[in-house]
Amino acid sequence: MNIIKCKNYILKIPRNIFQTWETKDISDGFKTLTQSWKNNNPNYAYFLLDDNERRMFIKKNFGDFDVIF
């Protein structure tokens, strides 16, 4: 976790990488790119969300509203 010190408090930023795609069935080229993110950021958790998972994540973390893409 990254820690940023501000005047009287500490802000903790989780080491997470989120990427989204329509499905979990991704091309070899995209797999190469996602692997580069993992390789270059070994201390980060990596998440690939498909359409449904992305909508559920937004609803859970940012409230119940229509998402427009």
N, C-alpha and C. Protein backbone atom coordinates (compact mmCIF):
# COMPACT_ATOMS: atom_id res chain seq x y z
N MET A 1 0.84 -1.17 0.00
CA MET A 1 0.00 0.00 0.00
C MET A 1 0.89 1.24 0.00
N ASN A 2 0.59 2.18 -0.87
CA ASN A 2 1.31 3.45 -0.89
C ASN A 2 0.80 4.30 0.25
N ILE A 3 1.68 5.02 0.90
CA ILE A 3 1.28 5.91 1.98
C ILE A 3 1.71 7.32 1.63
N ILE A 4 0.75 8.22 1.64
CA ILE A 4 1.02 9.63 1.36
C ILE A 4 0.77 10.40 2.65
N LYS A 5 1.79 11.11 3.11
CA LYS A 5 1.65 11.88 4.34
C LYS A 5 1.18 13.29 3.99
N CYS A 6 0.07 13.67 4.56
CA CYS A 6 -0.47 15.01 4.43
C CYS A 6 -0.48 15.62 5.82
N LYS A 7 -0.45 16.91 5.93
CA LYS A 7 -0.29 17.64 7.18
C LYS A 7 -0.56 16.83 8.44
N ASN A 8 -1.80 16.52 8.75
CA ASN A 8 -2.12 15.85 10.01
C ASN A 8 -2.73 14.46 9.83
N TYR A 9 -2.62 13.89 8.66
CA TYR A 9 -3.18 12.56 8.45
C TYR A 9 -2.38 11.81 7.40
N ILE A 10 -2.60 10.52 7.35
CA ILE A 10 -1.93 9.67 6.37
C ILE A 10 -3.00 9.09 5.45
N LEU A 11 -2.81 9.25 4.17
CA LEU A 11 -3.73 8.72 3.16
C LEU A 11 -3.14 7.42 2.61
N LYS A 12 -3.87 6.33 2.75
CA LYS A 12 -3.40 5.05 2.26
C LYS A 12 -4.08 4.75 0.93
N ILE A 13 -3.28 4.49 -0.07
CA ILE A 13 -3.79 4.17 -1.40
C ILE A 13 -3.50 2.70 -1.67
N PRO A 14 -4.53 1.88 -1.86
CA PRO A 14 -4.30 0.45 -2.12
C PRO A 14 -3.55 0.24 -3.43
N ARG A 15 -2.70 -0.75 -3.44
CA ARG A 15 -1.95 -1.09 -4.66
C ARG A 15 -2.76 -2.07 -5.49
N ASN A 16 -3.68 -1.53 -6.24
CA ASN A 16 -4.56 -2.32 -7.09
C ASN A 16 -4.52 -1.78 -8.50
N ILE A 17 -4.57 -2.68 -9.46
CA ILE A 17 -4.71 -2.31 -10.87
C ILE A 17 -6.01 -2.95 -11.35
N PHE A 18 -6.92 -2.11 -11.83
CA PHE A 18 -8.19 -2.60 -12.38
C PHE A 18 -8.21 -2.33 -13.87
N GLN A 19 -8.51 -3.37 -14.64
CA GLN A 19 -8.74 -3.21 -16.08
C GLN A 19 -10.08 -3.87 -16.39
N THR A 20 -10.75 -3.34 -17.40
CA THR A 20 -12.03 -3.91 -17.79
C THR A 20 -12.02 -4.26 -19.27
N TRP A 21 -12.83 -5.25 -19.59
CA TRP A 21 -13.01 -5.69 -20.97
C TRP A 21 -14.41 -6.26 -21.06
N GLU A 22 -14.92 -6.39 -22.25
CA GLU A 22 -16.29 -6.88 -22.41
C GLU A 22 -16.47 -8.29 -21.84
N THR A 23 -15.47 -9.14 -22.06
CA THR A 23 -15.53 -10.53 -21.60
C THR A 23 -14.17 -10.92 -21.03
N LYS A 24 -14.11 -12.11 -20.45
CA LYS A 24 -12.83 -12.63 -19.97
C LYS A 24 -12.06 -13.31 -21.11
N ASP A 25 -12.72 -13.46 -22.25
CA ASP A 25 -12.10 -14.07 -23.43
C ASP A 25 -11.33 -12.98 -24.18
N ILE A 26 -10.06 -12.80 -23.83
CA ILE A 26 -9.27 -11.71 -24.40
C ILE A 26 -8.25 -12.26 -25.41
N SER A 27 -7.86 -11.41 -26.32
CA SER A 27 -6.92 -11.82 -27.37
C SER A 27 -5.52 -12.03 -26.79
N ASP A 28 -4.68 -12.72 -27.55
CA ASP A 28 -3.30 -12.94 -27.12
C ASP A 28 -2.55 -11.62 -26.95
N GLY A 29 -2.83 -10.66 -27.82
CA GLY A 29 -2.18 -9.35 -27.71
C GLY A 29 -2.55 -8.65 -26.41
N PHE A 30 -3.83 -8.74 -26.04
CA PHE A 30 -4.28 -8.13 -24.80
C PHE A 30 -3.70 -8.87 -23.60
N LYS A 31 -3.60 -10.19 -23.70
CA LYS A 31 -2.99 -10.98 -22.62
C LYS A 31 -1.54 -10.56 -22.40
N THR A 32 -0.82 -10.28 -23.48
CA THR A 32 0.57 -9.82 -23.37
C THR A 32 0.62 -8.48 -22.64
N LEU A 33 -0.28 -7.58 -22.98
CA LEU A 33 -0.31 -6.28 -22.32
C LEU A 33 -0.64 -6.41 -20.83
N THR A 34 -1.64 -7.22 -20.51
CA THR A 34 -2.00 -7.37 -19.10
C THR A 34 -0.86 -8.01 -18.31
N GLN A 35 -0.16 -8.94 -18.94
CA GLN A 35 0.97 -9.56 -18.26
C GLN A 35 2.08 -8.55 -18.00
N SER A 36 2.26 -7.59 -18.91
CA SER A 36 3.28 -6.56 -18.70
C SER A 36 2.93 -5.70 -17.49
N TRP A 37 1.64 -5.42 -17.28
CA TRP A 37 1.23 -4.66 -16.08
C TRP A 37 1.60 -5.45 -14.82
N LYS A 38 1.32 -6.74 -14.84
CA LYS A 38 1.63 -7.58 -13.67
C LYS A 38 3.14 -7.65 -13.44
N ASN A 39 3.90 -7.84 -14.50
CA ASN A 39 5.36 -7.96 -14.38
C ASN A 39 5.99 -6.67 -13.88
N ASN A 40 5.49 -5.54 -14.36
CA ASN A 40 6.08 -4.25 -13.99
C ASN A 40 5.57 -3.71 -12.66
N ASN A 41 4.58 -4.36 -12.09
CA ASN A 41 4.00 -3.92 -10.81
C ASN A 41 3.78 -5.12 -9.90
N PRO A 42 4.85 -5.81 -9.51
CA PRO A 42 4.70 -7.06 -8.76
C PRO A 42 4.08 -6.89 -7.37
N ASN A 43 4.08 -5.70 -6.83
CA ASN A 43 3.51 -5.48 -5.51
C ASN A 43 2.04 -5.03 -5.55
N TYR A 44 1.46 -5.08 -6.74
CA TYR A 44 0.08 -4.66 -6.91
C TYR A 44 -0.82 -5.88 -7.19
N ALA A 45 -2.03 -5.81 -6.69
CA ALA A 45 -3.04 -6.81 -7.05
C ALA A 45 -3.62 -6.40 -8.39
N TYR A 46 -3.85 -7.38 -9.27
CA TYR A 46 -4.37 -7.10 -10.61
C TYR A 46 -5.77 -7.70 -10.74
N PHE A 47 -6.69 -6.92 -11.29
CA PHE A 47 -8.06 -7.37 -11.48
C PHE A 47 -8.50 -7.08 -12.91
N LEU A 48 -9.01 -8.09 -13.60
CA LEU A 48 -9.62 -7.91 -14.91
C LEU A 48 -11.11 -8.16 -14.74
N LEU A 49 -11.91 -7.13 -14.99
CA LEU A 49 -13.35 -7.23 -14.81
C LEU A 49 -14.04 -7.26 -16.16
N ASP A 50 -14.99 -8.19 -16.32
CA ASP A 50 -15.80 -8.20 -17.54
C ASP A 50 -16.97 -7.22 -17.34
N ASP A 51 -17.83 -7.08 -18.35
CA ASP A 51 -18.93 -6.12 -18.28
C ASP A 51 -19.76 -6.26 -17.02
N ASN A 52 -20.18 -7.48 -16.71
CA ASN A 52 -21.04 -7.72 -15.56
C ASN A 52 -20.31 -7.39 -14.26
N GLU A 53 -19.07 -7.84 -14.13
CA GLU A 53 -18.29 -7.58 -12.92
C GLU A 53 -18.04 -6.08 -12.74
N ARG A 54 -17.81 -5.38 -13.84
CA ARG A 54 -17.59 -3.93 -13.78
C ARG A 54 -18.83 -3.23 -13.25
N ARG A 55 -19.99 -3.61 -13.77
CA ARG A 55 -21.24 -2.99 -13.31
C ARG A 55 -21.49 -3.28 -11.83
N MET A 56 -21.23 -4.52 -11.40
CA MET A 56 -21.40 -4.87 -9.99
C MET A 56 -20.43 -4.09 -9.11
N PHE A 57 -19.19 -3.93 -9.56
CA PHE A 57 -18.18 -3.18 -8.80
C PHE A 57 -18.61 -1.73 -8.63
N ILE A 58 -19.08 -1.12 -9.71
CA ILE A 58 -19.52 0.28 -9.65
C ILE A 58 -20.71 0.41 -8.72
N LYS A 59 -21.67 -0.48 -8.84
CA LYS A 59 -22.86 -0.44 -8.00
C LYS A 59 -22.49 -0.60 -6.53
N LYS A 60 -21.61 -1.55 -6.23
CA LYS A 60 -21.21 -1.81 -4.84
C LYS A 60 -20.43 -0.64 -4.24
N ASN A 61 -19.54 -0.05 -5.02
CA ASN A 61 -18.63 0.96 -4.48
C ASN A 61 -19.06 2.41 -4.70
N PHE A 62 -19.96 2.64 -5.64
CA PHE A 62 -20.32 4.02 -5.97
C PHE A 62 -21.82 4.26 -6.02
N GLY A 63 -22.60 3.31 -5.58
CA GLY A 63 -24.04 3.52 -5.50
C GLY A 63 -24.81 2.94 -6.68
N ASP A 64 -26.10 2.99 -6.52
CA ASP A 64 -27.00 2.41 -7.51
C ASP A 64 -27.44 3.48 -8.51
N PHE A 65 -26.81 3.48 -9.66
CA PHE A 65 -27.19 4.41 -10.72
C PHE A 65 -26.92 3.75 -12.05
N ASP A 66 -27.59 4.24 -13.08
CA ASP A 66 -27.38 3.69 -14.41
C ASP A 66 -26.01 4.10 -14.93
N VAL A 67 -25.29 3.12 -15.42
CA VAL A 67 -23.96 3.37 -15.98
C VAL A 67 -24.12 3.50 -17.48
N ILE A 68 -23.59 4.57 -18.04
CA ILE A 68 -23.67 4.80 -19.48
C ILE A 68 -22.29 4.63 -20.08
N PHE A 69 -22.16 3.74 -21.04
CA PHE A 69 -20.89 3.49 -21.73
C PHE A 69 -21.10 3.71 -23.21
